[in-house]
Amino acid sequence: MDRYNPPRRNGNSKKNEVVITGGRTQRIDFEKDVNKTTILPPAGASVGRRGRGAGWYCEACNETYKDSLSWLDHLNSTQHLRKTRTVIIEKRATLEEVKERMEYWRRQLLEPEKGSEEYSLKERVERYHQELEAKKLRRKQKKVNKEKNSPRLVGENTELAAIMGISSFGSTNL
């Protein structure tokens, strides 16, 4: 028995049976049919919301909805609740429950979660500047290493290059 699509009534169930419900305890899984193949009836077989077609189908109301927002609106509608014989009763909170909840949220605001850092703009800015300095230092080291390891013309090759008029292969703007 599904909460949203209860079985059809037959002779052995009570006619005036009512289901009392409150807030949802589990999430509705809209993604359960992702990457599944469904064979649909021929085009034009189901033109309106009535009957089975492409989309979310409600067996209790015999209607099909094209998107998840309209499906969720339908689940909360008086039409669906009447068909499924569901009564929504709101329970009033007691003073103690309200105080307890207020205390809970106050603690949540004052105490950061365990394992997480408390938000501090100064620390973040300081950490950012440290990372920039470290990046500059790495670039400088890389440049120094590159200059040390670059091949130099030595001996005869320098004389030959001077005779040919080749002083460098770099930019022409000196």
N, C-alpha and C. Protein backbone atom coordinates (compact mmCIF):
# COMPACT_ATOMS: atom_id res chain seq x y z
N MET A 1 0.84 -1.19 0.00
CA MET A 1 0.00 0.00 0.00
C MET A 1 0.88 1.24 0.00
N ASP A 2 0.69 2.07 -0.96
CA ASP A 2 1.44 3.31 -1.10
C ASP A 2 0.65 4.44 -0.46
N ARG A 3 1.34 5.32 0.23
CA ARG A 3 0.64 6.42 0.91
C ARG A 3 -0.08 7.32 -0.08
N TYR A 4 0.48 7.49 -1.26
CA TYR A 4 -0.09 8.41 -2.24
C TYR A 4 -1.08 7.74 -3.17
N ASN A 5 -0.99 6.44 -3.32
CA ASN A 5 -1.91 5.69 -4.17
C ASN A 5 -2.40 4.46 -3.42
N PRO A 6 -3.35 4.63 -2.49
CA PRO A 6 -3.83 3.48 -1.73
C PRO A 6 -4.60 2.52 -2.64
N PRO A 7 -4.72 1.25 -2.24
CA PRO A 7 -5.41 0.28 -3.10
C PRO A 7 -6.90 0.63 -3.22
N ARG A 8 -7.50 0.18 -4.32
CA ARG A 8 -8.93 0.40 -4.53
C ARG A 8 -9.71 -0.34 -3.44
N ARG A 9 -10.84 0.22 -3.07
CA ARG A 9 -11.68 -0.39 -2.04
C ARG A 9 -12.42 -1.60 -2.63
N ASN A 10 -12.41 -2.69 -1.91
CA ASN A 10 -13.22 -3.83 -2.31
C ASN A 10 -14.15 -4.20 -1.15
N GLY A 11 -14.92 -5.20 -1.28
CA GLY A 11 -15.97 -5.53 -0.33
C GLY A 11 -15.51 -5.80 1.09
N ASN A 12 -14.28 -6.27 1.29
CA ASN A 12 -13.85 -6.64 2.63
C ASN A 12 -13.21 -5.50 3.41
N SER A 13 -13.06 -4.29 2.85
CA SER A 13 -12.52 -3.19 3.62
C SER A 13 -13.64 -2.29 4.11
N LYS A 14 -13.41 -1.60 5.21
CA LYS A 14 -14.44 -0.73 5.78
C LYS A 14 -14.69 0.46 4.86
N LYS A 15 -15.96 0.82 4.69
CA LYS A 15 -16.31 1.89 3.77
C LYS A 15 -15.88 3.25 4.31
N ASN A 16 -15.99 3.45 5.60
CA ASN A 16 -15.72 4.75 6.19
C ASN A 16 -14.33 4.83 6.81
N GLU A 17 -13.41 3.98 6.36
CA GLU A 17 -12.06 3.99 6.90
C GLU A 17 -11.36 5.29 6.51
N VAL A 18 -10.74 5.97 7.48
CA VAL A 18 -10.08 7.24 7.26
C VAL A 18 -8.62 7.11 7.66
N VAL A 19 -7.74 7.66 6.84
CA VAL A 19 -6.31 7.67 7.15
C VAL A 19 -5.96 9.05 7.66
N ILE A 20 -5.39 9.11 8.87
CA ILE A 20 -4.98 10.39 9.44
C ILE A 20 -3.50 10.56 9.17
N THR A 21 -3.15 11.72 8.69
CA THR A 21 -1.75 11.96 8.33
C THR A 21 -1.27 13.26 8.93
N GLY A 22 0.02 13.43 8.99
CA GLY A 22 0.64 14.67 9.48
C GLY A 22 1.66 15.12 8.45
N GLY A 23 2.74 15.68 8.92
CA GLY A 23 3.80 16.10 8.01
C GLY A 23 4.49 14.90 7.40
N ARG A 24 5.11 15.11 6.25
CA ARG A 24 5.81 14.01 5.59
C ARG A 24 7.04 13.62 6.39
N THR A 25 7.25 12.34 6.50
CA THR A 25 8.42 11.84 7.22
C THR A 25 9.53 11.44 6.25
N GLN A 26 9.19 11.14 5.01
CA GLN A 26 10.21 10.81 4.02
C GLN A 26 10.02 11.68 2.79
N ARG A 27 11.10 11.81 2.04
CA ARG A 27 11.07 12.64 0.85
C ARG A 27 10.42 11.87 -0.30
N ILE A 28 9.80 12.59 -1.21
CA ILE A 28 9.24 11.99 -2.41
C ILE A 28 10.37 11.88 -3.42
N ASP A 29 10.60 10.69 -3.95
CA ASP A 29 11.70 10.46 -4.86
C ASP A 29 11.24 10.70 -6.29
N PHE A 30 11.54 11.88 -6.82
CA PHE A 30 11.15 12.22 -8.19
C PHE A 30 12.12 11.61 -9.19
N GLU A 31 13.27 11.17 -8.74
CA GLU A 31 14.31 10.69 -9.65
C GLU A 31 14.37 9.18 -9.73
N LYS A 32 13.35 8.48 -9.19
CA LYS A 32 13.39 7.02 -9.19
C LYS A 32 13.28 6.43 -10.59
N ASP A 33 12.66 7.16 -11.53
CA ASP A 33 12.48 6.63 -12.88
C ASP A 33 13.47 7.20 -13.88
N VAL A 34 14.54 7.83 -13.40
CA VAL A 34 15.56 8.36 -14.29
C VAL A 34 16.30 7.18 -14.93
N ASN A 35 16.58 7.28 -16.22
CA ASN A 35 17.27 6.25 -17.00
C ASN A 35 16.49 4.94 -17.09
N LYS A 36 15.17 5.01 -17.01
CA LYS A 36 14.31 3.84 -17.20
C LYS A 36 13.52 4.04 -18.48
N THR A 37 13.23 2.94 -19.15
CA THR A 37 12.45 3.00 -20.38
C THR A 37 11.02 2.59 -20.07
N THR A 38 10.07 3.40 -20.56
CA THR A 38 8.66 3.10 -20.36
C THR A 38 7.96 3.12 -21.71
N ILE A 39 7.17 2.11 -21.97
CA ILE A 39 6.43 2.07 -23.23
C ILE A 39 5.15 2.86 -23.03
N LEU A 40 4.92 3.85 -23.89
CA LEU A 40 3.76 4.72 -23.78
C LEU A 40 2.70 4.30 -24.78
N PRO A 41 1.44 4.64 -24.49
CA PRO A 41 0.39 4.36 -25.46
C PRO A 41 0.58 5.22 -26.71
N PRO A 42 -0.10 4.89 -27.81
CA PRO A 42 0.08 5.66 -29.04
C PRO A 42 -0.22 7.13 -28.83
N ALA A 43 0.40 7.97 -29.66
CA ALA A 43 0.22 9.41 -29.53
C ALA A 43 -1.26 9.77 -29.69
N GLY A 44 -1.74 10.65 -28.83
CA GLY A 44 -3.12 11.08 -28.91
C GLY A 44 -4.08 10.18 -28.15
N ALA A 45 -3.61 9.07 -27.57
CA ALA A 45 -4.51 8.17 -26.86
C ALA A 45 -5.02 8.81 -25.58
N SER A 46 -4.17 9.56 -24.92
CA SER A 46 -4.56 10.23 -23.69
C SER A 46 -4.24 11.70 -23.84
N VAL A 47 -5.24 12.50 -24.16
CA VAL A 47 -4.99 13.89 -24.48
C VAL A 47 -4.97 14.76 -23.24
N GLY A 48 -5.87 14.58 -22.30
CA GLY A 48 -5.92 15.43 -21.12
C GLY A 48 -5.17 14.82 -19.96
N ARG A 49 -5.61 15.20 -18.76
CA ARG A 49 -4.98 14.63 -17.57
C ARG A 49 -5.56 13.27 -17.24
N ARG A 50 -6.75 12.97 -17.73
CA ARG A 50 -7.40 11.70 -17.41
C ARG A 50 -6.67 10.53 -18.06
N GLY A 51 -6.54 9.43 -17.33
CA GLY A 51 -5.94 8.22 -17.88
C GLY A 51 -4.44 8.20 -17.75
N ARG A 52 -3.89 7.07 -18.14
CA ARG A 52 -2.45 6.87 -18.02
C ARG A 52 -1.76 7.41 -19.27
N GLY A 53 -0.70 8.18 -19.06
CA GLY A 53 0.07 8.73 -20.18
C GLY A 53 1.49 8.96 -19.71
N ALA A 54 2.19 9.84 -20.38
CA ALA A 54 3.57 10.14 -20.00
C ALA A 54 3.55 11.07 -18.79
N GLY A 55 4.32 10.75 -17.78
CA GLY A 55 4.41 11.61 -16.60
C GLY A 55 4.09 10.85 -15.33
N TRP A 56 3.73 11.58 -14.29
CA TRP A 56 3.39 10.99 -13.00
C TRP A 56 1.91 10.64 -12.99
N TYR A 57 1.59 9.39 -12.66
CA TYR A 57 0.22 8.90 -12.69
C TYR A 57 -0.29 8.63 -11.28
N CYS A 58 -1.48 9.14 -10.98
CA CYS A 58 -2.12 8.90 -9.69
C CYS A 58 -3.24 7.88 -9.91
N GLU A 59 -3.09 6.70 -9.33
CA GLU A 59 -4.09 5.65 -9.51
C GLU A 59 -5.40 5.99 -8.82
N ALA A 60 -5.31 6.64 -7.68
CA ALA A 60 -6.53 6.97 -6.93
C ALA A 60 -7.43 7.92 -7.71
N CYS A 61 -6.82 8.89 -8.40
CA CYS A 61 -7.61 9.91 -9.11
C CYS A 61 -7.67 9.64 -10.62
N ASN A 62 -6.90 8.66 -11.11
CA ASN A 62 -6.83 8.33 -12.53
C ASN A 62 -6.43 9.54 -13.35
N GLU A 63 -5.37 10.21 -12.92
CA GLU A 63 -4.88 11.39 -13.63
C GLU A 63 -3.37 11.31 -13.80
N THR A 64 -2.90 11.94 -14.87
CA THR A 64 -1.48 11.98 -15.18
C THR A 64 -1.01 13.43 -15.16
N TYR A 65 0.15 13.65 -14.57
CA TYR A 65 0.70 15.01 -14.47
C TYR A 65 2.04 15.04 -15.19
N LYS A 66 2.26 16.11 -15.95
CA LYS A 66 3.43 16.19 -16.83
C LYS A 66 4.72 16.60 -16.11
N ASP A 67 4.61 17.30 -14.98
CA ASP A 67 5.83 17.72 -14.29
C ASP A 67 5.69 17.49 -12.79
N SER A 68 6.83 17.48 -12.12
CA SER A 68 6.85 17.14 -10.70
C SER A 68 6.16 18.18 -9.83
N LEU A 69 6.16 19.45 -10.26
CA LEU A 69 5.52 20.49 -9.47
C LEU A 69 4.01 20.30 -9.44
N SER A 70 3.40 20.02 -10.59
CA SER A 70 1.96 19.80 -10.61
C SER A 70 1.60 18.50 -9.89
N TRP A 71 2.48 17.50 -9.95
CA TRP A 71 2.25 16.23 -9.24
C TRP A 71 2.23 16.47 -7.73
N LEU A 72 3.19 17.24 -7.24
CA LEU A 72 3.24 17.54 -5.82
C LEU A 72 2.04 18.38 -5.39
N ASP A 73 1.64 19.34 -6.21
CA ASP A 73 0.43 20.13 -5.92
C ASP A 73 -0.78 19.22 -5.84
N HIS A 74 -0.85 18.23 -6.73
CA HIS A 74 -1.98 17.30 -6.73
C HIS A 74 -2.01 16.46 -5.45
N LEU A 75 -0.83 16.01 -5.01
CA LEU A 75 -0.78 15.19 -3.79
C LEU A 75 -1.32 15.95 -2.58
N ASN A 76 -1.17 17.27 -2.58
CA ASN A 76 -1.65 18.08 -1.46
C ASN A 76 -3.05 18.64 -1.70
N SER A 77 -3.65 18.35 -2.86
CA SER A 77 -4.95 18.94 -3.19
C SER A 77 -6.08 18.27 -2.41
N THR A 78 -7.17 19.00 -2.24
CA THR A 78 -8.34 18.44 -1.53
C THR A 78 -8.95 17.30 -2.33
N GLN A 79 -8.90 17.38 -3.67
CA GLN A 79 -9.44 16.31 -4.51
C GLN A 79 -8.74 14.98 -4.20
N HIS A 80 -7.41 14.98 -4.20
CA HIS A 80 -6.65 13.77 -3.95
C HIS A 80 -6.86 13.28 -2.51
N LEU A 81 -6.84 14.21 -1.56
CA LEU A 81 -7.02 13.82 -0.17
C LEU A 81 -8.42 13.22 0.04
N ARG A 82 -9.41 13.75 -0.65
CA ARG A 82 -10.77 13.22 -0.53
C ARG A 82 -10.84 11.83 -1.14
N LYS A 83 -10.23 11.63 -2.31
CA LYS A 83 -10.26 10.32 -2.98
C LYS A 83 -9.53 9.25 -2.16
N THR A 84 -8.43 9.64 -1.53
CA THR A 84 -7.66 8.68 -0.74
C THR A 84 -8.17 8.59 0.70
N ARG A 85 -9.20 9.36 1.01
CA ARG A 85 -9.82 9.40 2.34
C ARG A 85 -8.77 9.72 3.41
N THR A 86 -7.98 10.75 3.12
CA THR A 86 -6.93 11.19 4.03
C THR A 86 -7.37 12.48 4.70
N VAL A 87 -7.18 12.55 6.01
CA VAL A 87 -7.52 13.74 6.77
C VAL A 87 -6.23 14.30 7.34
N ILE A 88 -6.00 15.58 7.11
CA ILE A 88 -4.81 16.22 7.66
C ILE A 88 -5.21 16.93 8.94
N ILE A 89 -4.62 16.50 10.03
CA ILE A 89 -4.90 17.12 11.32
C ILE A 89 -3.63 17.79 11.80
N GLU A 90 -3.74 19.07 12.06
CA GLU A 90 -2.58 19.80 12.56
C GLU A 90 -2.57 19.73 14.07
N LYS A 91 -1.45 19.31 14.62
CA LYS A 91 -1.31 19.20 16.06
C LYS A 91 -0.71 20.50 16.58
N ARG A 92 -1.37 21.11 17.54
CA ARG A 92 -0.83 22.33 18.12
C ARG A 92 0.32 21.99 19.05
N ALA A 93 1.37 22.77 18.94
CA ALA A 93 2.54 22.55 19.78
C ALA A 93 2.28 23.11 21.17
N THR A 94 2.81 22.43 22.16
CA THR A 94 2.69 22.91 23.54
C THR A 94 3.77 23.94 23.80
N LEU A 95 3.62 24.66 24.90
CA LEU A 95 4.60 25.67 25.27
C LEU A 95 5.98 25.04 25.48
N GLU A 96 6.02 23.88 26.10
CA GLU A 96 7.30 23.18 26.33
C GLU A 96 7.98 22.81 25.03
N GLU A 97 7.21 22.33 24.05
CA GLU A 97 7.79 21.96 22.76
C GLU A 97 8.35 23.18 22.04
N VAL A 98 7.64 24.31 22.14
CA VAL A 98 8.12 25.54 21.50
C VAL A 98 9.41 26.00 22.16
N LYS A 99 9.46 25.99 23.49
CA LYS A 99 10.67 26.40 24.20
C LYS A 99 11.85 25.49 23.84
N GLU A 100 11.56 24.19 23.77
CA GLU A 100 12.60 23.22 23.43
C GLU A 100 13.16 23.49 22.04
N ARG A 101 12.28 23.77 21.07
CA ARG A 101 12.71 24.04 19.71
C ARG A 101 13.50 25.33 19.62
N MET A 102 13.05 26.36 20.34
CA MET A 102 13.77 27.64 20.36
C MET A 102 15.17 27.45 20.94
N GLU A 103 15.28 26.68 21.99
CA GLU A 103 16.58 26.40 22.60
C GLU A 103 17.48 25.64 21.62
N TYR A 104 16.90 24.70 20.90
CA TYR A 104 17.66 23.93 19.91
C TYR A 104 18.25 24.86 18.83
N TRP A 105 17.43 25.76 18.28
CA TRP A 105 17.91 26.66 17.24
C TRP A 105 18.91 27.67 17.79
N ARG A 106 18.72 28.10 19.03
CA ARG A 106 19.68 29.00 19.65
C ARG A 106 21.05 28.33 19.77
N ARG A 107 21.06 27.06 20.20
CA ARG A 107 22.32 26.31 20.31
C ARG A 107 22.96 26.12 18.94
N GLN A 108 22.13 25.87 17.92
CA GLN A 108 22.66 25.69 16.58
C GLN A 108 23.35 26.95 16.07
N LEU A 109 22.79 28.11 16.42
CA LEU A 109 23.40 29.37 15.97
C LEU A 109 24.68 29.69 16.74
N LEU A 110 24.71 29.39 18.02
CA LEU A 110 25.86 29.76 18.84
C LEU A 110 27.02 28.79 18.71
N GLU A 111 26.75 27.51 18.55
CA GLU A 111 27.81 26.51 18.49
C GLU A 111 28.04 26.09 17.04
N PRO A 112 29.24 26.25 16.54
CA PRO A 112 29.51 25.77 15.19
C PRO A 112 29.51 24.24 15.18
N GLU A 113 29.26 23.67 14.02
CA GLU A 113 29.25 22.22 13.92
C GLU A 113 30.63 21.66 14.21
N LYS A 114 30.66 20.47 14.80
CA LYS A 114 31.94 19.85 15.12
C LYS A 114 32.66 19.49 13.83
N GLY A 115 33.94 19.80 13.76
CA GLY A 115 34.73 19.49 12.58
C GLY A 115 34.75 20.60 11.55
N SER A 116 33.93 21.62 11.73
CA SER A 116 33.94 22.71 10.75
C SER A 116 34.54 23.95 11.39
N GLU A 117 35.14 24.78 10.56
CA GLU A 117 35.75 26.01 11.07
C GLU A 117 34.68 27.08 11.24
N GLU A 118 34.88 27.90 12.24
CA GLU A 118 33.96 29.01 12.41
C GLU A 118 34.29 30.06 11.36
N TYR A 119 33.28 30.67 10.80
CA TYR A 119 33.45 31.63 9.72
C TYR A 119 34.12 32.89 10.25
N SER A 120 35.26 33.25 9.68
CA SER A 120 35.96 34.46 10.06
C SER A 120 36.54 35.09 8.81
N LEU A 121 36.09 36.29 8.52
CA LEU A 121 36.53 36.98 7.31
C LEU A 121 38.01 37.33 7.39
N LYS A 122 38.48 37.76 8.58
CA LYS A 122 39.89 38.10 8.72
C LYS A 122 40.78 36.91 8.42
N GLU A 123 40.42 35.74 8.97
CA GLU A 123 41.23 34.55 8.72
C GLU A 123 41.24 34.18 7.25
N ARG A 124 40.09 34.30 6.59
CA ARG A 124 40.01 33.95 5.18
C ARG A 124 40.87 34.90 4.34
N VAL A 125 40.83 36.20 4.64
CA VAL A 125 41.62 37.17 3.89
C VAL A 125 43.10 36.91 4.12
N GLU A 126 43.46 36.64 5.38
CA GLU A 126 44.86 36.35 5.71
C GLU A 126 45.35 35.09 4.97
N ARG A 127 44.53 34.05 4.96
CA ARG A 127 44.88 32.81 4.27
C ARG A 127 45.04 33.06 2.77
N TYR A 128 44.18 33.90 2.20
CA TYR A 128 44.25 34.24 0.78
C TYR A 128 45.58 34.94 0.46
N HIS A 129 45.98 35.90 1.30
CA HIS A 129 47.24 36.61 1.07
C HIS A 129 48.44 35.67 1.22
N GLN A 130 48.38 34.75 2.17
CA GLN A 130 49.45 33.78 2.33
C GLN A 130 49.58 32.90 1.07
N GLU A 131 48.43 32.49 0.53
CA GLU A 131 48.45 31.68 -0.69
C GLU A 131 49.04 32.46 -1.86
N LEU A 132 48.70 33.76 -1.95
CA LEU A 132 49.27 34.59 -3.02
C LEU A 132 50.79 34.69 -2.89
N GLU A 133 51.26 34.92 -1.66
CA GLU A 133 52.71 35.01 -1.43
C GLU A 133 53.40 33.70 -1.79
N ALA A 134 52.78 32.57 -1.41
CA ALA A 134 53.37 31.26 -1.71
C ALA A 134 53.42 31.05 -3.22
N LYS A 135 52.40 31.51 -3.92
CA LYS A 135 52.35 31.37 -5.38
C LYS A 135 53.46 32.20 -6.03
N LYS A 136 53.65 33.44 -5.54
CA LYS A 136 54.72 34.30 -6.07
C LYS A 136 56.09 33.66 -5.84
N LEU A 137 56.28 33.11 -4.65
CA LEU A 137 57.54 32.47 -4.31
C LEU A 137 57.81 31.27 -5.23
N ARG A 138 56.77 30.47 -5.48
CA ARG A 138 56.94 29.31 -6.37
C ARG A 138 57.31 29.76 -7.78
N ARG A 139 56.66 30.82 -8.26
CA ARG A 139 56.99 31.34 -9.60
C ARG A 139 58.44 31.81 -9.67
N LYS A 140 58.86 32.51 -8.61
CA LYS A 140 60.23 33.03 -8.57
C LYS A 140 61.23 31.87 -8.58
N GLN A 141 60.96 30.83 -7.75
CA GLN A 141 61.82 29.66 -7.70
C GLN A 141 61.88 28.96 -9.06
N LYS A 142 60.73 28.88 -9.71
CA LYS A 142 60.68 28.23 -11.01
C LYS A 142 61.53 28.99 -12.03
N LYS A 143 61.45 30.31 -11.97
CA LYS A 143 62.21 31.15 -12.89
C LYS A 143 63.71 30.99 -12.64
N VAL A 144 64.12 30.98 -11.37
CA VAL A 144 65.52 30.81 -11.01
C VAL A 144 66.02 29.45 -11.48
N ASN A 145 65.21 28.40 -11.25
CA ASN A 145 65.61 27.06 -11.68
C ASN A 145 65.71 26.97 -13.19
N LYS A 146 64.83 27.65 -13.88
CA LYS A 146 64.85 27.63 -15.33
C LYS A 146 66.12 28.30 -15.86
N GLU A 147 66.51 29.41 -15.24
CA GLU A 147 67.73 30.10 -15.66
C GLU A 147 68.97 29.27 -15.36
N LYS A 148 68.96 28.56 -14.23
CA LYS A 148 70.11 27.72 -13.87
C LYS A 148 70.27 26.56 -14.85
N ASN A 149 69.16 25.97 -15.23
CA ASN A 149 69.21 24.75 -16.05
C ASN A 149 69.20 25.02 -17.55
N SER A 150 69.09 26.28 -17.97
CA SER A 150 69.06 26.55 -19.41
C SER A 150 70.46 26.35 -19.99
N PRO A 151 70.54 25.78 -21.18
CA PRO A 151 71.88 25.52 -21.78
C PRO A 151 72.54 26.83 -22.21
N ARG A 152 73.80 26.97 -21.91
CA ARG A 152 74.58 28.17 -22.28
C ARG A 152 75.53 27.80 -23.42
N LEU A 153 75.73 28.77 -24.25
CA LEU A 153 76.71 28.56 -25.31
C LEU A 153 78.11 28.77 -24.74
N VAL A 154 78.93 27.80 -24.88
CA VAL A 154 80.29 27.91 -24.34
C VAL A 154 81.33 27.63 -25.43
N GLY A 155 82.50 28.20 -25.23
CA GLY A 155 83.65 27.88 -26.10
C GLY A 155 83.47 28.35 -27.52
N GLU A 156 83.69 27.42 -28.49
CA GLU A 156 83.68 27.73 -29.90
C GLU A 156 82.33 28.25 -30.37
N ASN A 157 81.26 27.72 -29.78
CA ASN A 157 79.92 28.10 -30.25
C ASN A 157 79.66 29.59 -30.06
N THR A 158 80.19 30.20 -29.01
CA THR A 158 79.97 31.63 -28.80
C THR A 158 80.70 32.44 -29.85
N GLU A 159 81.91 32.00 -30.21
CA GLU A 159 82.66 32.71 -31.24
C GLU A 159 81.98 32.59 -32.59
N LEU A 160 81.47 31.39 -32.89
CA LEU A 160 80.78 31.16 -34.15
C LEU A 160 79.51 32.00 -34.21
N ALA A 161 78.77 32.06 -33.11
CA ALA A 161 77.54 32.85 -33.06
C ALA A 161 77.86 34.33 -33.25
N ALA A 162 78.94 34.81 -32.66
CA ALA A 162 79.32 36.22 -32.81
C ALA A 162 79.70 36.52 -34.26
N ILE A 163 80.40 35.59 -34.93
CA ILE A 163 80.79 35.78 -36.32
C ILE A 163 79.55 35.87 -37.21
N MET A 164 78.55 35.00 -36.91
CA MET A 164 77.33 34.96 -37.71
C MET A 164 76.39 36.11 -37.37
N GLY A 165 76.66 36.80 -36.29
CA GLY A 165 75.81 37.92 -35.89
C GLY A 165 74.61 37.51 -35.06
N ILE A 166 74.66 36.32 -34.51
CA ILE A 166 73.54 35.84 -33.68
C ILE A 166 73.91 36.08 -32.23
N SER A 167 73.14 36.94 -31.59
CA SER A 167 73.43 37.16 -30.18
C SER A 167 72.37 36.51 -29.28
N SER A 168 71.13 36.47 -29.77
CA SER A 168 70.10 35.80 -28.99
C SER A 168 68.92 35.46 -29.89
N PHE A 169 68.06 34.57 -29.41
CA PHE A 169 66.87 34.20 -30.16
C PHE A 169 65.63 34.81 -29.54
N GLY A 170 65.79 35.77 -28.67
CA GLY A 170 64.68 36.38 -27.95
C GLY A 170 64.00 37.46 -28.77
N SER A 171 63.45 38.41 -28.07
CA SER A 171 62.71 39.51 -28.68
C SER A 171 63.65 40.45 -29.42
N THR A 172 63.12 41.16 -30.39
CA THR A 172 63.92 42.13 -31.14
C THR A 172 63.99 43.45 -30.39
N ASN A 173 63.11 43.66 -29.43
CA ASN A 173 63.12 44.89 -28.63
C ASN A 173 64.09 44.71 -27.47
N LEU A 174 65.22 45.37 -27.55
CA LEU A 174 66.21 45.23 -26.48
C LEU A 174 66.34 46.47 -25.69
